[in-house]
Protein backbone atom coordinates (compact mmCIF):
# COMPACT_ATOMS: atom_id res chain seq x y z
CA MET A 1 -27.02 2.82 -5.42
CA VAL A 2 -25.34 4.46 -2.47
CA ASP A 3 -27.15 6.51 0.13
CA LEU A 4 -24.36 9.02 0.79
CA GLY A 5 -25.82 10.02 4.14
CA ASN A 6 -23.68 12.80 5.60
CA LEU A 7 -21.26 13.79 2.84
CA HIS A 8 -18.31 16.08 3.48
CA PHE A 9 -15.43 17.32 1.32
CA ILE A 10 -12.04 17.78 2.96
CA LEU A 11 -9.15 18.86 0.73
CA GLY A 12 -10.64 16.99 -2.21
CA ILE A 13 -11.49 13.94 -0.09
CA GLU A 14 -15.15 12.91 -0.03
CA VAL A 15 -16.26 11.44 3.30
CA SER A 16 -19.56 9.55 3.63
CA ARG A 17 -20.72 8.49 7.07
CA GLY A 18 -23.49 6.15 8.14
CA LYS A 19 -24.50 4.51 11.40
CA ASP A 20 -21.85 1.76 11.30
CA LEU A 21 -20.01 2.42 8.04
CA SER A 22 -17.78 5.15 6.69
CA PHE A 23 -16.44 5.58 3.19
CA ILE A 24 -13.75 7.92 1.84
CA CYS A 25 -12.80 8.52 -1.78
CA GLN A 26 -11.50 11.14 -4.23
CA SER A 27 -13.81 10.62 -7.18
CA ARG A 28 -14.01 14.32 -8.05
CA TYR A 29 -10.24 14.62 -7.83
CA ALA A 30 -9.95 11.59 -10.12
CA SER A 31 -12.15 13.28 -12.70
CA SER A 32 -10.08 16.47 -12.50
CA ILE A 33 -6.84 14.51 -13.06
CA LEU A 34 -8.25 12.79 -16.13
CA GLU A 35 -9.46 16.08 -17.56
CA LYS A 36 -6.20 17.89 -16.79
CA PHE A 37 -4.11 15.30 -18.66
CA GLU A 38 -6.64 14.85 -21.50
CA MET A 39 -7.55 11.28 -20.59
CA LYS A 40 -11.20 11.86 -19.74
CA ASP A 41 -12.50 9.58 -22.48
CA CYS A 42 -9.76 6.95 -22.36
CA LYS A 43 -10.45 3.23 -22.26
CA GLY A 44 -10.14 1.79 -18.74
CA VAL A 45 -7.90 -1.11 -17.66
CA GLU A 46 -8.13 -3.50 -14.69
CA THR A 47 -4.67 -2.90 -13.21
CA PRO A 48 -2.49 0.21 -12.93
CA MET A 49 0.68 -1.50 -14.13
CA GLU A 50 1.34 -4.51 -16.32
CA GLN A 51 2.95 -7.52 -14.71
CA ASN A 52 6.68 -7.78 -15.47
CA VAL A 53 6.53 -4.47 -17.28
CA LYS A 54 9.84 -3.54 -18.87
CA VAL A 55 11.10 -0.14 -17.78
CA SER A 56 14.12 0.72 -19.88
CA ASN A 57 17.06 2.71 -18.56
CA SER A 58 19.06 2.33 -21.73
CA ASP A 59 20.63 5.29 -23.46
CA ASP A 60 18.86 4.08 -26.61
CA GLU A 61 15.45 4.83 -25.09
CA ALA A 62 14.08 8.24 -26.04
CA SER A 63 13.77 10.84 -23.30
CA PHE A 64 10.38 12.34 -22.59
CA GLU A 65 10.64 15.96 -23.62
CA ASP A 66 8.17 17.61 -21.23
CA ILE A 67 9.72 16.78 -17.85
CA THR A 68 7.46 19.25 -16.04
CA LEU A 69 4.34 17.55 -17.39
CA TYR A 70 5.59 14.16 -16.20
CA ARG A 71 6.38 15.52 -12.73
CA ARG A 72 2.95 17.15 -12.48
CA LEU A 73 1.28 13.85 -13.32
CA VAL A 74 3.33 11.85 -10.81
CA GLY A 75 2.67 14.47 -8.13
CA SER A 76 -1.06 14.19 -8.79
CA LEU A 77 -0.89 10.40 -8.52
CA ILE A 78 0.98 10.58 -5.21
CA TYR A 79 -1.73 12.82 -3.74
CA PHE A 80 -4.36 10.43 -5.05
CA THR A 81 -2.86 7.60 -2.97
CA ILE A 82 -4.30 9.26 0.17
CA THR A 83 -7.42 7.15 -0.37
CA ARG A 84 -6.09 4.68 -2.94
CA PRO A 85 -3.47 2.29 -1.53
CA ASP A 86 -3.84 0.19 -4.69
CA LEU A 87 -1.95 2.95 -6.52
CA SER A 88 0.94 3.22 -4.05
CA TYR A 89 3.31 0.85 -5.83
CA SER A 90 2.68 2.35 -9.27
CA ALA A 91 3.03 5.94 -8.05
CA GLY A 92 6.22 5.05 -6.19
CA LYS A 93 7.69 3.31 -9.20
CA LEU A 94 6.95 6.24 -11.49
CA SER A 95 8.37 8.74 -8.99
CA GLN A 96 11.77 7.05 -9.26
CA SER A 97 12.06 8.42 -12.80
CA MET A 98 11.09 12.04 -12.12
CA GLN A 99 14.59 13.39 -12.72
CA TYR A 100 15.07 11.91 -16.20
CA PRO A 101 11.79 10.42 -17.47
CA LEU A 102 11.78 8.39 -20.65
CA VAL A 103 8.99 7.82 -23.15
CA CYS A 104 8.34 4.38 -21.64
CA HIS A 105 7.82 5.99 -18.23
CA TRP A 106 5.24 8.34 -19.70
CA LYS A 107 3.42 5.40 -21.31
CA ASN A 108 3.33 3.62 -17.93
CA ALA A 109 1.98 6.78 -16.28
CA LYS A 110 -0.80 7.04 -18.88
CA ARG A 111 -1.76 3.43 -18.13
CA VAL A 112 -2.26 4.43 -14.49
CA LEU A 113 -4.64 7.14 -15.70
CA ARG A 114 -6.55 4.52 -17.67
CA TYR A 115 -6.86 2.47 -14.48
CA ILE A 116 -8.10 5.54 -12.59
CA SER A 117 -10.68 6.10 -15.32
CA ALA A 118 -12.06 2.62 -14.69
CA THR A 119 -12.03 2.96 -10.88
CA LYS A 120 -12.55 6.65 -10.14
CA ASN A 121 -15.45 5.93 -7.76
CA PHE A 122 -13.38 3.54 -5.65
CA GLY A 123 -12.40 4.35 -2.09
CA ILE A 124 -11.88 2.85 1.37
CA LEU A 125 -14.76 1.38 3.37
CA TYR A 126 -14.64 1.25 7.19
CA ASP A 127 -16.83 -0.85 9.48
CA GLY A 128 -16.96 0.74 12.94
CA SER A 129 -18.21 -2.44 14.58
CA ASN A 130 -14.73 -4.03 14.63
CA LEU A 131 -11.85 -2.14 16.27
CA ALA A 132 -9.26 -4.92 16.01
CA LEU A 133 -5.80 -3.65 14.99
CA ARG A 134 -3.79 -5.83 12.61
CA ALA A 135 -1.14 -5.49 9.92
CA TYR A 136 0.33 -7.33 6.95
CA SER A 137 4.02 -7.18 6.07
CA ASP A 138 5.75 -8.18 2.83
CA ALA A 139 8.77 -7.51 0.65
CA ASP A 140 9.68 -8.14 -2.98
CA PHE A 141 13.26 -9.47 -2.91
CA VAL A 142 15.54 -7.66 -5.45
CA GLY A 143 12.41 -6.48 -7.23
CA ASP A 144 14.19 -3.55 -8.89
CA LYS A 145 16.14 -4.98 -11.84
CA VAL A 146 18.32 -1.87 -12.12
CA ASP A 147 19.85 -1.45 -8.64
CA ARG A 148 18.75 -4.86 -7.24
CA ARG A 149 17.08 -3.36 -4.19
CA SER A 150 13.99 -4.85 -2.60
CA THR A 151 10.66 -3.16 -1.97
CA SER A 152 9.15 -3.08 1.53
CA ALA A 153 5.42 -2.88 2.09
CA PHE A 154 2.93 -2.97 4.92
CA VAL A 155 -0.75 -2.30 5.45
CA THR A 156 -2.43 -1.75 8.82
CA PHE A 157 -6.14 -2.21 9.50
CA LEU A 158 -8.60 -0.76 11.96
CA CYS A 159 -12.40 -1.02 11.67
CA ASN A 160 -11.85 -3.57 8.89
CA GLY A 161 -10.40 -0.78 6.74
CA ILE A 162 -6.86 0.17 5.87
CA VAL A 163 -5.60 3.13 7.92
CA SER A 164 -1.92 3.30 6.95
CA TRP A 165 0.29 1.73 4.33
CA LEU A 166 3.80 1.85 2.88
CA SER A 167 5.38 0.92 -0.42
CA LYS A 168 9.03 1.90 -0.47
CA LYS A 169 12.28 0.76 -2.01
CA GLN A 170 14.72 -0.32 0.71
CA ASP A 171 17.72 1.91 1.40
CA THR A 172 20.29 -0.90 1.08
CA ILE A 173 20.61 -4.13 -0.88
CA SER A 174 19.39 -7.21 0.99
CA LEU A 175 21.53 -10.34 0.79
CA SER A 176 18.62 -12.75 1.16
CA SER A 177 14.84 -12.83 0.95
CA THR A 178 14.74 -13.32 4.73
CA GLU A 179 16.69 -10.11 5.24
CA SER A 180 14.44 -8.12 2.90
CA GLU A 181 11.32 -9.50 4.62
CA TYR A 182 12.78 -8.76 8.05
CA LYS A 183 13.46 -5.15 7.11
CA ALA A 184 9.84 -4.83 6.02
CA LEU A 185 8.71 -6.43 9.28
CA THR A 186 10.73 -3.85 11.21
CA SER A 187 8.88 -1.00 9.51
CA THR A 188 5.56 -2.74 10.11
CA THR A 189 6.31 -3.22 13.81
CA LYS A 190 7.20 0.45 14.26
CA GLU A 191 3.97 1.51 12.59
CA ILE A 192 1.62 -0.82 14.46
CA LEU A 193 3.18 0.00 17.84
CA TRP A 194 2.74 3.72 17.14
CA LEU A 195 -0.90 3.15 16.24
CA LYS A 196 -1.40 1.01 19.34
CA ARG A 197 -0.01 3.72 21.64
CA LEU A 198 -2.25 6.30 19.97
CA LEU A 199 -5.34 4.13 20.42
CA VAL A 200 -4.44 3.38 24.04
CA GLU A 201 -4.08 7.09 24.74
CA LEU A 202 -7.48 7.69 23.14
CA GLN A 203 -8.86 4.87 25.32
CA VAL A 204 -9.97 2.94 22.27
CA MET A 205 -7.63 0.00 22.92
CA GLU A 206 -6.38 -1.73 26.07
CA ALA A 207 -2.65 -1.53 26.77
CA GLU A 208 -2.35 -5.32 27.22
CA GLU A 209 -3.87 -6.10 23.82
CA GLN A 210 -1.45 -7.51 21.24
CA PRO A 211 -1.93 -6.40 17.63
CA ILE A 212 -1.30 -9.16 15.10
CA ILE A 213 1.18 -8.88 12.22
CA PHE A 214 0.78 -11.33 9.35
CA CYS A 215 3.72 -12.23 7.09
CA ASP A 216 4.22 -14.90 4.44
CA ASN A 217 7.89 -15.77 5.06
CA GLN A 218 8.46 -18.59 7.55
CA SER A 219 12.21 -17.93 7.85
CA ASN A 220 11.37 -14.35 8.70
CA GLN A 221 9.01 -15.53 11.42
CA ALA A 222 11.59 -17.95 12.81
CA LEU A 223 14.22 -15.20 12.92
CA ALA A 224 11.86 -12.91 14.81
CA THR A 225 10.74 -15.47 17.40
CA ASN A 226 13.79 -17.73 17.96
CA PRO A 227 16.66 -16.14 19.94
CA THR A 228 19.07 -18.90 18.82
CA PHE A 229 18.44 -18.43 15.12
CA HIS A 230 21.13 -15.76 14.79
CA ALA A 231 23.94 -17.98 13.49
CA ARG A 232 22.85 -17.60 9.86
CA SER A 233 21.70 -14.00 10.15
CA LYS A 234 24.64 -12.11 11.61
CA HIS A 235 24.78 -9.93 8.52
CA ILE A 236 21.35 -8.49 9.30
CA GLU A 237 21.60 -5.15 11.05
CA ILE A 238 21.18 -5.30 14.82
CA ALA A 239 18.61 -2.51 14.73
CA HIS A 240 16.12 -4.81 13.04
CA HIS A 241 16.18 -7.28 15.94
CA PHE A 242 14.01 -5.03 18.06
CA VAL A 243 11.09 -6.93 16.47
CA ARG A 244 12.16 -9.98 18.48
CA GLU A 245 12.19 -7.92 21.66
CA LYS A 246 8.65 -6.68 21.07
CA ILE A 247 7.42 -10.23 20.50
CA GLN A 248 9.11 -11.46 23.68
CA ALA A 249 7.63 -8.51 25.57
CA LYS A 250 4.18 -9.59 24.28
CA GLU A 251 3.55 -6.23 22.65
CA ILE A 252 2.77 -7.81 19.27
CA LYS A 253 1.94 -11.21 17.81
CA LEU A 254 3.39 -12.60 14.59
CA HIS A 255 1.33 -14.99 12.49
CA HIS A 256 2.08 -16.72 9.20
CA VAL A 257 -0.20 -16.23 6.21
CA SER A 258 0.00 -17.70 2.72
CA SER A 259 1.54 -15.54 0.01
CA SER A 260 -1.76 -15.42 -1.89
CA ASP A 261 -3.48 -13.92 1.17
CA CYS A 262 -0.74 -11.48 2.20
CA LEU A 263 -2.46 -8.18 1.48
CA ALA A 264 0.77 -6.17 1.49
CA ASP A 265 1.82 -8.07 -1.65
CA LEU A 266 -0.29 -5.61 -3.64
CA LEU A 267 2.16 -2.84 -2.68
CA THR A 268 5.40 -4.64 -3.59
CA LYS A 269 5.01 -5.41 -7.31
CA ALA A 270 2.70 -5.45 -10.30
CA LEU A 271 0.32 -8.41 -10.04
CA PRO A 272 -1.83 -10.28 -12.57
CA ASN A 273 -5.41 -9.08 -12.88
CA THR A 274 -7.06 -11.81 -10.77
CA SER A 275 -4.65 -11.49 -7.84
CA PHE A 276 -4.72 -7.70 -7.96
CA ILE A 277 -8.51 -7.47 -7.85
CA LYS A 278 -8.73 -10.05 -5.05
CA LEU A 279 -6.22 -8.24 -2.82
CA ARG A 280 -7.66 -4.81 -3.62
CA SER A 281 -11.04 -5.96 -2.42
CA ALA A 282 -9.50 -7.48 0.72
CA LEU A 283 -7.89 -4.12 1.48
CA GLY A 284 -11.37 -2.61 1.64
CA VAL A 285 -10.91 -0.59 -1.56
CA VAL A 286 -14.32 -0.88 -3.20
CA ASP A 287 -16.64 0.91 -5.61
CA ARG A 288 -19.06 3.13 -3.70
CA CYS A 289 -21.79 2.11 -6.14
CA THR A 290 -21.67 -1.41 -4.67
CA ILE A 291 -22.30 -0.40 -1.04
CA VAL A 292 -25.09 1.25 0.89
CA ILE A 293 -24.35 3.78 3.62
CA SER A 294 -27.44 4.70 5.55
CA CYS A 295 -27.86 8.14 7.07
CA LYS A 296 -26.75 8.62 10.65
CA SER A 297 -29.53 8.23 13.16
């Protein structure tokens, strides 16, 4: 059982604080969503979206009649991602169909509700004893089978808990996996440098400290660290090369990590159950019934 200690509610977000640990979740909001969309007694599932799920855009697929209902559900899911990064990819994918939703889109949305039903007490756990700032960057090359665009993702950590994250379809088509990964790395670098400056201003972090960014693409890492590697990457926009400048200026460090341990992978595509659960746990998204938060002294 969890000793909730000091419990606060802020805009539907439940905050539990202990001496060294903090936990945030939206369990009451989750229950209200399930009740609103008549899924309170549904059977839970382990993942919000099936791997390699087929989302039809064919004219033969039936349109979902109640567009307003679909939009209300997607809007609710987007708000729920405030404390649930594991839902970011699914909510983003469903939001791409808000203008003309099909029956298959509605079925996928209801599966997300079934996942919420099984994990409504989940939230983000923070350990205040570790203030190291780090990030993970990843991209799913041509992951969208309709317009062939890639999906960028990053997650940043502080106090061993995730503090910001992104799952977004890229604005332009990437011509290689290296390019798609490099675009994601650009977004990650912007985010972690902003967080670093904020923490330095708050006197929580030293200005000379170098946050670490982990990525799973070795070509991407070579492009960011080797000034002579540009011969095969002239098609990549110049704006993205500011990552290289920040590495040379020793403002950030770039480390390689295996694909199976790249936590941002959870936000780029639908994963099999085992991988999804492993990465979700590594993100610090846990069931509050499995932790103990002692009261503040």
